[in-house]
Amino acid sequence: MAERLDTPKESRRTWVPRFQRDPDAVGRVAEAFARFMGTGRFLLYMTGFVIVWVTINAVGLFGLRWDPYPFILLNLFFSVQASYAAPLILLAQNRQDDRDRVSLEQDRQRSERNLADTEFLAREIAALRIGLSEVATRDFVRSELRNLLEELTDRDGGEDHERHEGRHAGQAGRELRDRREPVTRRAD
């Protein structure tokens, strides 16, 4: 009979505990091993081990000589160590390559975001510059008002006309001055 998907599965108790396999455990061990093999401490330990091994087997201290002169057992140990060390070091290098690849991808994405942000800000600054070039500044408004005032006062060259226009020009100048004052106050 098929199990139903809408009901939880019953937990089964067993006497033997189930071990959950960690896929990164071997990789972490390989990295630790490779890191240790690349140190001076490992070289000192290995040198000390070889000296003790050769001394005991060559001199026969305490009557022990389990590996005579060609030291075949010692060579076997080195072969086994090398056969395990090489794949473990390669595994550690592969894991480091994977981390480097992820890091480079994140750096590339970060660089793309920074470039996009920079381009956006450059476009915004350009739009602000274009917008500000069309805005009338305080100096521009003042110069336009002065030009209008000069036009009103310099329209006619005759004296009679100037007196007649002077009244109107003076009145227009006062009106322009009155209009100009709030602009200068706002700009200051």
C-alpha atoms as a PDB file:
ATOM      1  CA  MET A   1       0.000   0.000   0.000  1.00  0.00           C
ATOM      2  CA  ALA A   2       1.366   3.431  -0.965  1.00  0.00           C
ATOM      3  CA  GLU A   3       1.988   5.966   1.760  1.00  0.00           C
ATOM      4  CA  ARG A   4      -0.209   9.016   1.848  1.00  0.00           C
ATOM      5  CA  LEU A   5       1.448  12.354   1.310  1.00  0.00           C
ATOM      6  CA  ASP A   6      -0.909  14.324   3.569  1.00  0.00           C
ATOM      7  CA  THR A   7       0.030  12.493   6.761  1.00  0.00           C
ATOM      8  CA  PRO A   8       3.384  12.696   8.521  1.00  0.00           C
ATOM      9  CA  LYS A   9       5.652   9.719   8.404  1.00  0.00           C
ATOM     10  CA  GLU A  10       6.006   7.759  11.618  1.00  0.00           C
ATOM     11  CA  SER A  11       9.443   7.860  13.172  1.00  0.00           C
ATOM     12  CA  ARG A  12      11.038   4.472  13.642  1.00  0.00           C
ATOM     13  CA  ARG A  13      13.230   3.835  16.616  1.00  0.00           C
ATOM     14  CA  THR A  14      16.302   1.763  16.095  1.00  0.00           C
ATOM     15  CA  TRP A  15      18.973   0.518  18.428  1.00  0.00           C
ATOM     16  CA  VAL A  16      21.722   1.568  16.095  1.00  0.00           C
ATOM     17  CA  PRO A  17      22.054   5.320  15.648  1.00  0.00           C
ATOM     18  CA  ARG A  18      22.046   6.588  12.086  1.00  0.00           C
ATOM     19  CA  PHE A  19      25.023   8.630  11.094  1.00  0.00           C
ATOM     20  CA  GLN A  20      24.392  11.517   8.823  1.00  0.00           C
ATOM     21  CA  ARG A  21      27.097  11.895   6.249  1.00  0.00           C
ATOM     22  CA  ASP A  22      28.599  15.350   5.914  1.00  0.00           C
ATOM     23  CA  PRO A  23      29.663  15.870   2.289  1.00  0.00           C
ATOM     24  CA  ASP A  24      32.207  18.525   3.250  1.00  0.00           C
ATOM     25  CA  ALA A  25      33.873  16.528   6.020  1.00  0.00           C
ATOM     26  CA  VAL A  26      36.393  14.871   3.686  1.00  0.00           C
ATOM     27  CA  GLY A  27      37.131  18.217   2.056  1.00  0.00           C
ATOM     28  CA  ARG A  28      37.774  19.896   5.399  1.00  0.00           C
ATOM     29  CA  VAL A  29      40.085  17.044   6.443  1.00  0.00           C
ATOM     30  CA  ALA A  30      41.910  17.278   3.100  1.00  0.00           C
ATOM     31  CA  GLU A  31      42.407  21.014   3.528  1.00  0.00           C
ATOM     32  CA  ALA A  32      43.679  20.591   7.089  1.00  0.00           C
ATOM     33  CA  PHE A  33      46.049  17.835   5.937  1.00  0.00           C
ATOM     34  CA  ALA A  34      47.345  19.878   2.997  1.00  0.00           C
ATOM     35  CA  ARG A  35      47.748  22.920   5.213  1.00  0.00           C
ATOM     36  CA  PHE A  36      49.737  20.874   7.752  1.00  0.00           C
ATOM     37  CA  MET A  37      51.937  19.249   5.088  1.00  0.00           C
ATOM     38  CA  GLY A  38      52.942  22.669   3.825  1.00  0.00           C
ATOM     39  CA  THR A  39      54.478  23.760   7.125  1.00  0.00           C
ATOM     40  CA  GLY A  40      57.982  23.567   8.515  1.00  0.00           C
ATOM     41  CA  ARG A  41      56.636  21.671  11.511  1.00  0.00           C
ATOM     42  CA  PHE A  42      55.641  18.756   9.268  1.00  0.00           C
ATOM     43  CA  LEU A  43      59.119  18.697   7.730  1.00  0.00           C
ATOM     44  CA  LEU A  44      60.716  18.648  11.201  1.00  0.00           C
ATOM     45  CA  TYR A  45      58.420  15.844  12.377  1.00  0.00           C
ATOM     46  CA  MET A  46      59.109  13.811   9.242  1.00  0.00           C
ATOM     47  CA  THR A  47      62.866  14.371   9.518  1.00  0.00           C
ATOM     48  CA  GLY A  48      62.828  13.326  13.176  1.00  0.00           C
ATOM     49  CA  PHE A  49      60.774  10.222  12.350  1.00  0.00           C
ATOM     50  CA  VAL A  50      63.207   9.170   9.605  1.00  0.00           C
ATOM     51  CA  ILE A  51      66.264   9.752  11.828  1.00  0.00           C
ATOM     52  CA  VAL A  52      64.760   7.699  14.660  1.00  0.00           C
ATOM     53  CA  TRP A  53      63.689   4.933  12.250  1.00  0.00           C
ATOM     54  CA  VAL A  54      67.082   4.673  10.560  1.00  0.00           C
ATOM     55  CA  THR A  55      68.988   4.892  13.873  1.00  0.00           C
ATOM     56  CA  ILE A  56      66.979   2.135  15.528  1.00  0.00           C
ATOM     57  CA  ASN A  57      67.170  -0.175  12.505  1.00  0.00           C
ATOM     58  CA  ALA A  58      70.829   0.472  11.627  1.00  0.00           C
ATOM     59  CA  VAL A  59      72.289   0.298  15.122  1.00  0.00           C
ATOM     60  CA  GLY A  60      69.801  -2.177  16.510  1.00  0.00           C
ATOM     61  CA  LEU A  61      68.977  -0.311  19.720  1.00  0.00           C
ATOM     62  CA  PHE A  62      67.279  -2.444  22.344  1.00  0.00           C
ATOM     63  CA  GLY A  63      67.739  -5.432  20.068  1.00  0.00           C
ATOM     64  CA  LEU A  64      65.166  -4.107  17.586  1.00  0.00           C
ATOM     65  CA  ARG A  65      65.844  -4.475  13.872  1.00  0.00           C
ATOM     66  CA  TRP A  66      62.511  -4.868  12.101  1.00  0.00           C
ATOM     67  CA  ASP A  67      63.604  -3.068   8.927  1.00  0.00           C
ATOM     68  CA  PRO A  68      67.248  -3.789   7.902  1.00  0.00           C
ATOM     69  CA  TYR A  69      69.439  -1.557   5.753  1.00  0.00           C
ATOM     70  CA  PRO A  70      67.548  -0.993   2.494  1.00  0.00           C
ATOM     71  CA  PHE A  71      64.679   0.167   4.760  1.00  0.00           C
ATOM     72  CA  ILE A  72      61.972  -1.348   2.572  1.00  0.00           C
ATOM     73  CA  LEU A  73      59.232  -0.838   5.190  1.00  0.00           C
ATOM     74  CA  LEU A  74      60.133   2.850   5.506  1.00  0.00           C
ATOM     75  CA  ASN A  75      59.927   3.215   1.727  1.00  0.00           C
ATOM     76  CA  LEU A  76      56.533   1.505   1.827  1.00  0.00           C
ATOM     77  CA  PHE A  77      55.353   4.009   4.446  1.00  0.00           C
ATOM     78  CA  PHE A  78      56.528   6.905   2.260  1.00  0.00           C
ATOM     79  CA  SER A  79      54.775   5.419  -0.769  1.00  0.00           C
ATOM     80  CA  VAL A  80      51.503   5.058   1.138  1.00  0.00           C
ATOM     81  CA  GLN A  81      51.822   8.586   2.490  1.00  0.00           C
ATOM     82  CA  ALA A  82      52.468   9.963  -1.009  1.00  0.00           C
ATOM     83  CA  SER A  83      49.588   7.971  -2.497  1.00  0.00           C
ATOM     84  CA  TYR A  84      47.206   9.537   0.028  1.00  0.00           C
ATOM     85  CA  ALA A  85      48.795  12.979   0.138  1.00  0.00           C
ATOM     86  CA  ALA A  86      48.546  13.701  -3.578  1.00  0.00           C
ATOM     87  CA  PRO A  87      44.751  13.192  -3.896  1.00  0.00           C
ATOM     88  CA  LEU A  88      44.116  15.010  -0.624  1.00  0.00           C
ATOM     89  CA  ILE A  89      46.180  17.985  -1.784  1.00  0.00           C
ATOM     90  CA  LEU A  90      44.353  17.981  -5.125  1.00  0.00           C
ATOM     91  CA  LEU A  91      41.008  17.862  -3.319  1.00  0.00           C
ATOM     92  CA  ALA A  92      42.056  20.835  -1.184  1.00  0.00           C
ATOM     93  CA  GLN A  93      43.152  22.733  -4.297  1.00  0.00           C
ATOM     94  CA  ASN A  94      39.847  21.983  -6.029  1.00  0.00           C
ATOM     95  CA  ARG A  95      37.915  23.301  -3.040  1.00  0.00           C
ATOM     96  CA  GLN A  96      40.052  26.455  -3.040  1.00  0.00           C
ATOM     97  CA  ASP A  97      39.450  26.864  -6.781  1.00  0.00           C
ATOM     98  CA  ASP A  98      35.702  26.604  -6.173  1.00  0.00           C
ATOM     99  CA  ARG A  99      35.887  29.258  -3.443  1.00  0.00           C
ATOM    100  CA  ASP A 100      37.976  31.493  -5.710  1.00  0.00           C
ATOM    101  CA  ARG A 101      35.486  31.052  -8.550  1.00  0.00           C
ATOM    102  CA  VAL A 102      32.580  32.044  -6.296  1.00  0.00           C
ATOM    103  CA  SER A 103      34.546  35.014  -4.969  1.00  0.00           C
ATOM    104  CA  LEU A 104      35.406  36.182  -8.488  1.00  0.00           C
ATOM    105  CA  GLU A 105      31.773  35.868  -9.555  1.00  0.00           C
ATOM    106  CA  GLN A 106      30.669  37.946  -6.568  1.00  0.00           C
ATOM    107  CA  ASP A 107      33.348  40.541  -7.355  1.00  0.00           C
ATOM    108  CA  ARG A 108      32.190  40.672 -10.969  1.00  0.00           C
ATOM    109  CA  GLN A 109      28.560  41.152  -9.912  1.00  0.00           C
ATOM    110  CA  ARG A 110      29.585  43.851  -7.432  1.00  0.00           C
ATOM    111  CA  SER A 111      31.587  45.606 -10.159  1.00  0.00           C
ATOM    112  CA  GLU A 112      28.614  45.476 -12.530  1.00  0.00           C
ATOM    113  CA  ARG A 113      26.343  46.976  -9.848  1.00  0.00           C
ATOM    114  CA  ASN A 114      28.886  49.719  -9.135  1.00  0.00           C
ATOM    115  CA  LEU A 115      29.194  50.486 -12.849  1.00  0.00           C
ATOM    116  CA  ALA A 116      25.408  50.626 -13.242  1.00  0.00           C
ATOM    117  CA  ASP A 117      25.120  52.913 -10.199  1.00  0.00           C
ATOM    118  CA  THR A 118      27.877  55.169 -11.533  1.00  0.00           C
ATOM    119  CA  GLU A 119      26.250  55.386 -14.949  1.00  0.00           C
ATOM    120  CA  PHE A 120      22.883  56.177 -13.349  1.00  0.00           C
ATOM    121  CA  LEU A 121      24.421  58.927 -11.213  1.00  0.00           C
ATOM    122  CA  ALA A 122      26.227  60.357 -14.246  1.00  0.00           C
ATOM    123  CA  ARG A 123      22.922  60.488 -16.157  1.00  0.00           C
ATOM    124  CA  GLU A 124      21.219  62.156 -13.189  1.00  0.00           C
ATOM    125  CA  ILE A 125      23.974  64.774 -12.890  1.00  0.00           C
ATOM    126  CA  ALA A 126      23.744  65.459 -16.627  1.00  0.00           C
ATOM    127  CA  ALA A 127      19.958  65.857 -16.337  1.00  0.00           C
ATOM    128  CA  LEU A 128      20.400  68.253 -13.409  1.00  0.00           C
ATOM    129  CA  ARG A 129      22.927  70.309 -15.365  1.00  0.00           C
ATOM    130  CA  ILE A 130      20.566  70.513 -18.328  1.00  0.00           C
ATOM    131  CA  GLY A 131      17.701  71.448 -16.013  1.00  0.00           C
ATOM    132  CA  LEU A 132      19.742  74.086 -14.220  1.00  0.00           C
ATOM    133  CA  SER A 133      20.883  75.686 -17.459  1.00  0.00           C
ATOM    134  CA  GLU A 134      17.226  76.522 -18.228  1.00  0.00           C
ATOM    135  CA  VAL A 135      16.522  78.049 -14.805  1.00  0.00           C
ATOM    136  CA  ALA A 136      16.735  81.810 -14.513  1.00  0.00           C
ATOM    137  CA  THR A 137      19.367  82.852 -12.013  1.00  0.00           C
ATOM    138  CA  ARG A 138      19.314  85.990  -9.874  1.00  0.00           C
ATOM    139  CA  ASP A 139      21.935  87.700 -12.033  1.00  0.00           C
ATOM    140  CA  PHE A 140      20.040  86.875 -15.212  1.00  0.00           C
ATOM    141  CA  VAL A 141      16.790  88.334 -13.831  1.00  0.00           C
ATOM    142  CA  ARG A 142      18.574  91.493 -12.653  1.00  0.00           C
ATOM    143  CA  SER A 143      20.230  92.016 -16.024  1.00  0.00           C
ATOM    144  CA  GLU A 144      16.910  91.559 -17.827  1.00  0.00           C
ATOM    145  CA  LEU A 145      15.232  94.087 -15.536  1.00  0.00           C
ATOM    146  CA  ARG A 146      18.051  96.591 -16.125  1.00  0.00           C
ATOM    147  CA  ASN A 147      17.719  96.109 -19.865  1.00  0.00           C
ATOM    148  CA  LEU A 148      13.976  96.711 -19.677  1.00  0.00           C
ATOM    149  CA  LEU A 149      14.503  99.820 -17.587  1.00  0.00           C
ATOM    150  CA  GLU A 150      17.074 101.162 -20.063  1.00  0.00           C
ATOM    151  CA  GLU A 151      14.746 100.442 -22.968  1.00  0.00           C
ATOM    152  CA  LEU A 152      11.956 102.339 -21.278  1.00  0.00           C
ATOM    153  CA  THR A 153      14.142 105.335 -20.491  1.00  0.00           C
ATOM    154  CA  ASP A 154      15.967 105.444 -23.869  1.00  0.00           C
ATOM    155  CA  ARG A 155      13.048 105.052 -26.274  1.00  0.00           C
ATOM    156  CA  ASP A 156      12.781 108.616 -27.406  1.00  0.00           C
ATOM    157  CA  GLY A 157      15.677 111.058 -27.781  1.00  0.00           C
ATOM    158  CA  GLY A 158      13.619 114.359 -27.660  1.00  0.00           C
ATOM    159  CA  GLU A 159      13.613 116.466 -24.515  1.00  0.00           C
ATOM    160  CA  ASP A 160       9.929 117.217 -24.528  1.00  0.00           C
ATOM    161  CA  HIS A 161       9.200 113.666 -25.116  1.00  0.00           C
ATOM    162  CA  GLU A 162      11.730 112.701 -22.479  1.00  0.00           C
ATOM    163  CA  ARG A 163       9.964 114.774 -19.853  1.00  0.00           C
ATOM    164  CA  HIS A 164       6.658 113.277 -20.795  1.00  0.00           C
ATOM    165  CA  GLU A 165       8.228 109.811 -21.014  1.00  0.00           C
ATOM    166  CA  GLY A 166      10.302 110.518 -17.914  1.00  0.00           C
ATOM    167  CA  ARG A 167       7.192 110.518 -15.819  1.00  0.00           C
ATOM    168  CA  HIS A 168       6.122 107.246 -17.349  1.00  0.00           C
ATOM    169  CA  ALA A 169       9.674 105.874 -17.329  1.00  0.00           C
ATOM    170  CA  GLY A 170      10.118 106.857 -13.700  1.00  0.00           C
ATOM    171  CA  GLN A 171       6.841 105.230 -12.884  1.00  0.00           C
ATOM    172  CA  ALA A 172       7.829 102.132 -14.924  1.00  0.00           C
ATOM    173  CA  GLY A 173      11.261 102.120 -13.277  1.00  0.00           C
ATOM    174  CA  ARG A 174       9.678 102.207  -9.847  1.00  0.00           C
ATOM    175  CA  GLU A 175       7.387  99.361 -10.847  1.00  0.00           C
ATOM    176  CA  LEU A 176      10.353  97.380 -12.113  1.00  0.00           C
ATOM    177  CA  ARG A 177      12.284  98.189  -8.943  1.00  0.00           C
ATOM    178  CA  ASP A 178       9.333  97.069  -6.833  1.00  0.00           C
ATOM    179  CA  ARG A 179       9.180  93.832  -8.816  1.00  0.00           C
ATOM    180  CA  ARG A 180      12.918  93.351  -8.617  1.00  0.00           C
ATOM    181  CA  GLU A 181      13.185  93.691  -4.840  1.00  0.00           C
ATOM    182  CA  PRO A 182      11.361  90.459  -3.965  1.00  0.00           C
ATOM    183  CA  VAL A 183      13.545  88.572  -6.439  1.00  0.00           C
ATOM    184  CA  THR A 184      16.729  89.843  -4.832  1.00  0.00           C
ATOM    185  CA  ARG A 185      15.440  89.009  -1.354  1.00  0.00           C
ATOM    186  CA  ARG A 186      14.602  85.456  -2.388  1.00  0.00           C
ATOM    187  CA  ALA A 187      17.969  84.927  -4.036  1.00  0.00           C
ATOM    188  CA  ASP A 188      19.903  86.256  -1.029  1.00  0.00           C
END
